[in-house]
Amino acid sequence: MVKHRFFTLDVFTDVPFAGNQLAVFPDAQGMPENQLQAIAREFNLSETVFVYPPVDPANTALVRIFTPATELPFAGHPTIGTAVLLASLRRVKRRGGKAQVVLEEGVGAVPVEVGFSGSVPTWAQLTVAKLPEGGPPPPGSVELAAAISLEPADLDAAMQPAAFSCGVPYLFVPLRDRAALASAGLDMGAWRAALADFWAPDLFLFTRDVEQPGSNFHARMFAPLLGVPEDPATGSAVAAFAGYLAASERLADGRHSWRVEQGFDMGRPSILELESDVRDGIVYTVRVGGNAVIVSEGELRLS
């Protein structure tokens, strides 16, 4: 019987039992390759991370990220949570009140800056390795509304649905208010007909009708093909959201920042901080940040 240490964290929150849950195995070398997906399914969280020595010794670690159904080339809350955990385990050096982490992921090397509260790592901000790219036009409003159990009038007519990706594609669908957002839910038959074969089958629904002062958007995310019926906080989607906002709002050159609420309707309130730098109308840097807290530590036993 071989024991493998793991930690769980709550990410995009500064208190336990909120945000998005994450399991991390900080020493995954030697774990059976053919059991990684089964282990992620056993934990049944949005993602489980396995940490290995880096290919490039200049980087901090190589990470593999699994949902209960598949492996991902990039994900936001696993990147944030893993960086905070590795800083907590003192696997990176702290300089000037911060630590610099570089995680090798499927999309490439992802730099992460970790912040501290006293001696405790509490916050991290990643810079995407792959900038947002737009996808093909989505289905029409009638098909989209049906897929999320709403009426076309529930969509925000001031903004158009569009697909973007920073490694994982999402379809961004603006809704008129929080009432419409709270009422949304996947109609699997309509979703399969309209979106199962679309370039971006995962849905990021959002509205400008927010819960907290200082926030810009309130969101929900559904990813049935990833084995995630609804996600409390989706950093990879918020990263790609920078591309959507640049295209839909014709952003001026300079730095832009937004605060996104997610997970409130699930009882897992999460706050994601998004920044993008724009030059000549093009996004050339995207950063996603938030808090993370370690919740538990344990051992997985494999024969």
Protein backbone atom coordinates (compact mmCIF):
# COMPACT_ATOMS: atom_id res chain seq x y z
CA MET A 1 0.00 0.00 0.00
CA VAL A 2 1.49 3.32 -1.14
CA LYS A 3 0.36 6.58 0.48
CA HIS A 4 0.19 9.82 -1.52
CA ARG A 5 -0.26 13.13 0.30
CA PHE A 6 -2.86 15.58 -0.95
CA PHE A 7 -4.28 18.94 0.10
CA THR A 8 -7.63 20.55 -0.60
CA LEU A 9 -8.03 24.27 -1.05
CA ASP A 10 -10.85 26.71 -1.60
CA VAL A 11 -9.90 29.13 -4.37
CA PHE A 12 -11.17 32.61 -5.24
CA THR A 13 -12.21 33.11 -1.63
CA ASP A 14 -10.47 34.24 1.55
CA VAL A 15 -12.55 32.00 3.85
CA PRO A 16 -13.01 28.21 3.95
CA PHE A 17 -16.13 26.56 2.56
CA ALA A 18 -16.61 29.12 -0.21
CA GLY A 19 -14.99 29.58 -3.61
CA ASN A 20 -14.04 26.67 -5.83
CA GLN A 21 -12.72 23.47 -4.26
CA LEU A 22 -9.46 21.96 -5.46
CA ALA A 23 -7.44 18.85 -4.64
CA VAL A 24 -3.67 18.94 -5.18
CA PHE A 25 -1.14 16.12 -5.01
CA PRO A 26 2.14 18.05 -4.57
CA ASP A 27 4.35 14.98 -5.13
CA ALA A 28 2.69 13.04 -7.94
CA GLN A 29 5.81 11.50 -9.41
CA GLY A 30 5.38 7.73 -9.23
CA MET A 31 1.58 7.80 -9.09
CA PRO A 32 0.09 5.38 -11.65
CA GLU A 33 -0.56 7.20 -14.92
CA ASN A 34 -3.57 5.04 -15.69
CA GLN A 35 -5.26 6.00 -12.41
CA LEU A 36 -5.03 9.79 -12.55
CA GLN A 37 -8.44 10.22 -14.20
CA ALA A 38 -10.01 7.75 -11.77
CA ILE A 39 -8.52 9.65 -8.83
CA ALA A 40 -9.99 12.92 -10.12
CA ARG A 41 -13.33 11.19 -10.52
CA GLU A 42 -13.07 9.87 -6.96
CA PHE A 43 -12.52 13.38 -5.57
CA ASN A 44 -15.33 14.64 -7.85
CA LEU A 45 -14.26 18.27 -7.56
CA SER A 46 -14.15 20.68 -10.49
CA GLU A 47 -10.43 19.88 -10.83
CA THR A 48 -7.70 17.76 -9.26
CA VAL A 49 -4.04 18.67 -9.82
CA PHE A 50 -0.99 16.40 -9.94
CA VAL A 51 2.37 18.16 -9.46
CA TYR A 52 5.63 16.87 -10.97
CA PRO A 53 9.20 18.17 -11.29
CA PRO A 54 9.48 20.69 -14.14
CA VAL A 55 10.83 19.80 -17.56
CA ASP A 56 12.74 23.11 -17.53
CA PRO A 57 14.61 23.47 -14.23
CA ALA A 58 14.10 27.23 -14.44
CA ASN A 59 10.39 26.64 -13.79
CA THR A 60 8.73 25.62 -10.52
CA ALA A 61 6.76 22.52 -11.47
CA LEU A 62 4.88 20.68 -14.17
CA VAL A 63 1.19 20.27 -13.40
CA ARG A 64 -1.52 18.08 -14.87
CA ILE A 65 -5.12 19.16 -14.35
CA PHE A 66 -8.09 16.79 -14.45
CA THR A 67 -11.82 17.35 -14.18
CA PRO A 68 -13.92 14.30 -13.25
CA ALA A 69 -14.23 13.58 -16.99
CA THR A 70 -11.07 14.76 -18.79
CA GLU A 71 -7.63 16.36 -18.64
CA LEU A 72 -7.34 20.11 -19.32
CA PRO A 73 -4.47 22.07 -20.90
CA PHE A 74 -5.12 25.05 -18.60
CA ALA A 75 -7.44 26.03 -15.77
CA GLY A 76 -7.49 29.11 -13.59
CA HIS A 77 -8.42 28.03 -10.09
CA PRO A 78 -6.06 25.01 -10.17
CA THR A 79 -3.23 27.32 -11.22
CA ILE A 80 -3.99 29.84 -8.46
CA GLY A 81 -4.52 27.17 -5.79
CA THR A 82 -1.43 25.14 -6.73
CA ALA A 83 0.79 28.24 -6.64
CA VAL A 84 -0.49 29.18 -3.18
CA LEU A 85 0.05 25.63 -1.95
CA LEU A 86 3.60 25.38 -3.30
CA ALA A 87 4.42 28.70 -1.64
CA SER A 88 2.92 27.36 1.61
CA LEU A 89 5.16 24.30 1.32
CA ARG A 90 8.12 26.66 0.80
CA ARG A 91 9.00 25.28 -2.59
CA VAL A 92 9.52 28.78 -3.93
CA LYS A 93 11.52 31.63 -2.51
CA ARG A 94 9.82 34.76 -1.25
CA ARG A 95 11.39 38.01 -2.37
CA GLY A 96 10.13 41.47 -1.48
CA GLY A 97 6.91 40.18 0.04
CA LYS A 98 5.98 38.06 -3.00
CA ALA A 99 6.94 34.77 -4.59
CA GLN A 100 7.21 33.99 -8.30
CA VAL A 101 5.96 30.61 -9.50
CA VAL A 102 6.06 29.22 -13.05
CA LEU A 103 3.85 26.21 -13.74
CA GLU A 104 4.26 24.12 -16.89
CA GLU A 105 0.78 23.37 -18.25
CA GLY A 106 -0.59 22.10 -21.55
CA VAL A 107 -0.79 25.65 -22.92
CA GLY A 108 2.82 26.40 -21.94
CA ALA A 109 4.58 27.99 -18.98
CA VAL A 110 2.16 30.00 -16.82
CA PRO A 111 3.76 32.65 -14.54
CA VAL A 112 2.03 33.20 -11.20
CA GLU A 113 2.75 35.86 -8.59
CA VAL A 114 1.92 34.86 -5.01
CA GLY A 115 1.11 37.40 -2.29
CA PHE A 116 1.34 36.94 1.47
CA SER A 117 -0.51 38.04 4.59
CA GLY A 118 2.30 38.04 7.12
CA SER A 119 4.02 34.72 6.53
CA VAL A 120 0.98 33.00 4.97
CA PRO A 121 0.44 32.85 1.18
CA THR A 122 -3.11 34.03 0.62
CA TRP A 123 -3.41 35.35 -2.94
CA ALA A 124 -2.10 34.69 -6.42
CA GLN A 125 -2.33 36.19 -9.89
CA LEU A 126 -1.59 34.27 -13.07
CA THR A 127 -0.62 35.65 -16.46
CA VAL A 128 -2.05 33.59 -19.30
CA ALA A 129 0.33 31.70 -21.59
CA LYS A 130 -2.16 31.77 -24.45
CA LEU A 131 -3.93 35.02 -25.30
CA PRO A 132 -7.67 35.04 -26.05
CA GLU A 133 -8.73 33.90 -29.49
CA GLY A 134 -12.20 34.24 -30.93
CA GLY A 135 -14.23 31.32 -32.22
CA PRO A 136 -16.93 30.87 -34.83
CA PRO A 137 -20.33 32.57 -34.54
CA PRO A 138 -22.60 30.79 -32.07
CA PRO A 139 -26.13 29.54 -32.70
CA GLY A 140 -28.92 32.10 -32.69
CA SER A 141 -30.69 33.54 -29.67
CA VAL A 142 -33.65 31.17 -29.89
CA GLU A 143 -31.41 28.10 -29.76
CA LEU A 144 -29.17 29.57 -27.04
CA ALA A 145 -32.07 30.60 -24.84
CA ALA A 146 -33.62 27.14 -25.17
CA ALA A 147 -30.31 25.49 -24.21
CA ILE A 148 -30.31 27.38 -20.90
CA SER A 149 -34.06 27.08 -20.23
CA LEU A 150 -34.76 30.76 -20.87
CA GLU A 151 -36.57 32.92 -23.41
CA PRO A 152 -34.76 35.04 -26.03
CA ALA A 153 -35.98 38.15 -24.17
CA ASP A 154 -33.85 37.07 -21.19
CA LEU A 155 -30.68 37.70 -23.19
CA ASP A 156 -29.11 41.17 -22.96
CA ALA A 157 -29.82 42.83 -26.29
CA ALA A 158 -27.03 45.36 -25.71
CA MET A 159 -24.34 42.67 -26.03
CA GLN A 160 -23.98 39.68 -28.34
CA PRO A 161 -23.03 36.09 -27.46
CA ALA A 162 -19.56 35.14 -28.67
CA ALA A 163 -16.98 32.38 -28.16
CA PHE A 164 -13.40 32.93 -26.92
CA SER A 165 -10.62 30.73 -25.59
CA CYS A 166 -7.34 31.02 -23.66
CA GLY A 167 -6.77 27.28 -24.06
CA VAL A 168 -10.27 26.11 -23.11
CA PRO A 169 -13.09 27.58 -25.23
CA TYR A 170 -16.21 29.11 -23.71
CA LEU A 171 -19.37 30.61 -25.12
CA PHE A 172 -20.14 33.92 -23.41
CA VAL A 173 -23.84 34.68 -23.15
CA PRO A 174 -24.99 38.03 -21.70
CA LEU A 175 -28.26 38.04 -19.75
CA ARG A 176 -30.45 41.00 -18.86
CA ASP A 177 -30.37 40.67 -15.05
CA ARG A 178 -29.66 38.42 -12.07
CA ALA A 179 -33.19 37.07 -12.06
CA ALA A 180 -32.67 35.65 -15.54
CA LEU A 181 -29.25 34.35 -14.52
CA ALA A 182 -30.64 32.65 -11.41
CA SER A 183 -33.38 31.02 -13.49
CA ALA A 184 -30.97 29.61 -16.06
CA GLY A 185 -30.29 25.89 -16.17
CA LEU A 186 -29.20 23.48 -18.86
CA ASP A 187 -31.90 21.86 -20.96
CA MET A 188 -29.74 18.92 -22.01
CA GLY A 189 -31.79 18.08 -25.08
CA ALA A 190 -31.69 21.65 -26.40
CA TRP A 191 -28.04 22.00 -25.38
CA ARG A 192 -27.05 18.84 -27.28
CA ALA A 193 -28.92 20.00 -30.38
CA ALA A 194 -27.38 23.48 -30.39
CA LEU A 195 -23.99 23.24 -28.66
CA ALA A 196 -22.64 19.73 -28.08
CA ASP A 197 -20.68 19.88 -31.35
CA PHE A 198 -19.99 23.62 -31.27
CA TRP A 199 -16.39 24.95 -30.94
CA ALA A 200 -17.24 26.22 -27.43
CA PRO A 201 -19.85 23.93 -25.81
CA ASP A 202 -19.22 25.25 -22.27
CA LEU A 203 -21.40 28.20 -21.30
CA PHE A 204 -20.35 31.28 -19.33
CA LEU A 205 -23.51 33.25 -18.54
CA PHE A 206 -23.11 36.74 -17.14
CA THR A 207 -24.92 39.95 -16.27
CA ARG A 208 -23.96 43.43 -15.15
CA ASP A 209 -26.57 43.14 -12.38
CA VAL A 210 -24.24 42.38 -9.46
CA GLU A 211 -24.48 41.35 -5.81
CA GLN A 212 -21.67 43.40 -4.23
CA PRO A 213 -20.52 47.01 -4.61
CA GLY A 214 -17.35 47.20 -6.65
CA SER A 215 -18.17 44.19 -8.81
CA ASN A 216 -18.67 44.50 -12.57
CA PHE A 217 -20.23 41.17 -13.53
CA HIS A 218 -22.13 38.29 -11.94
CA ALA A 219 -21.65 34.93 -13.67
CA ARG A 220 -22.45 31.22 -13.82
CA MET A 221 -20.66 28.52 -15.83
CA PHE A 222 -21.93 25.16 -17.12
CA ALA A 223 -19.56 22.53 -18.56
CA PRO A 224 -21.36 19.20 -19.06
CA LEU A 225 -18.70 17.72 -21.35
CA LEU A 226 -16.06 18.31 -18.68
CA GLY A 227 -18.11 16.48 -16.07
CA VAL A 228 -18.81 19.80 -14.29
CA PRO A 229 -22.57 20.53 -14.20
CA GLU A 230 -21.86 23.99 -12.75
CA ASP A 231 -18.57 25.53 -11.65
CA PRO A 232 -18.33 27.92 -8.67
CA ALA A 233 -15.39 29.90 -10.12
CA THR A 234 -13.79 29.54 -13.55
CA GLY A 235 -10.47 31.30 -14.01
CA SER A 236 -9.90 30.04 -17.56
CA ALA A 237 -13.29 31.41 -18.60
CA VAL A 238 -12.65 34.77 -16.94
CA ALA A 239 -9.29 34.93 -18.74
CA ALA A 240 -11.01 34.37 -22.09
CA PHE A 241 -13.66 36.92 -21.03
CA ALA A 242 -10.96 39.57 -21.51
CA GLY A 243 -11.06 38.79 -25.23
CA TYR A 244 -14.83 38.99 -25.27
CA LEU A 245 -14.83 42.36 -23.50
CA ALA A 246 -12.13 43.79 -25.78
CA ALA A 247 -14.15 42.79 -28.84
CA SER A 248 -17.58 43.81 -27.57
CA GLU A 249 -16.69 47.04 -25.77
CA ARG A 250 -13.95 48.37 -28.09
CA LEU A 251 -11.61 49.01 -25.20
CA ALA A 252 -9.23 51.95 -25.27
CA ASP A 253 -5.51 51.35 -25.05
CA GLY A 254 -4.20 50.86 -21.53
CA ARG A 255 -4.89 48.63 -18.55
CA HIS A 256 -8.42 47.53 -17.72
CA SER A 257 -9.69 45.68 -14.66
CA TRP A 258 -12.93 43.97 -13.71
CA ARG A 259 -14.29 42.13 -10.68
CA VAL A 260 -16.38 39.05 -11.42
CA GLU A 261 -18.74 37.31 -8.98
CA GLN A 262 -19.47 33.63 -9.46
CA GLY A 263 -20.77 30.69 -7.44
CA PHE A 264 -23.22 32.73 -5.33
CA ASP A 265 -26.25 30.70 -6.46
CA MET A 266 -24.37 27.51 -5.49
CA GLY A 267 -23.59 28.69 -1.96
CA ARG A 268 -19.89 28.95 -2.93
CA PRO A 269 -19.41 32.72 -3.40
CA SER A 270 -16.27 33.47 -5.38
CA ILE A 271 -14.54 36.67 -6.47
CA LEU A 272 -12.26 36.68 -9.52
CA GLU A 273 -10.12 39.69 -10.42
CA LEU A 274 -9.44 40.19 -14.14
CA GLU A 275 -6.91 42.55 -15.72
CA SER A 276 -5.99 43.05 -19.35
CA ASP A 277 -3.62 45.33 -21.20
CA VAL A 278 -4.79 46.61 -24.58
CA ARG A 279 -2.75 48.22 -27.34
CA ASP A 280 -4.14 49.23 -30.74
CA GLY A 281 -7.38 47.52 -29.79
CA ILE A 282 -5.64 44.17 -29.21
CA VAL A 283 -5.31 42.37 -25.86
CA TYR A 284 -1.63 41.61 -25.28
CA THR A 285 -1.65 40.59 -21.60
CA VAL A 286 -4.31 38.93 -19.44
CA ARG A 287 -4.05 38.34 -15.69
CA VAL A 288 -6.48 36.57 -13.36
CA GLY A 289 -6.12 36.76 -9.59
CA GLY A 290 -7.79 35.84 -6.36
CA ASN A 291 -7.42 34.47 -2.86
CA ALA A 292 -7.00 30.84 -1.82
CA VAL A 293 -7.08 29.02 1.52
CA ILE A 294 -5.83 25.55 2.44
CA VAL A 295 -8.70 23.56 3.98
CA SER A 296 -7.46 20.02 4.55
CA GLU A 297 -4.56 17.59 4.21
CA GLY A 298 -4.74 13.82 3.83
CA GLU A 299 -3.41 10.66 2.25
CA LEU A 300 -4.68 8.63 -0.67
CA ARG A 301 -3.83 4.93 -0.43
CA LEU A 302 -3.12 3.01 -3.61
CA SER A 303 -2.25 -0.66 -3.78
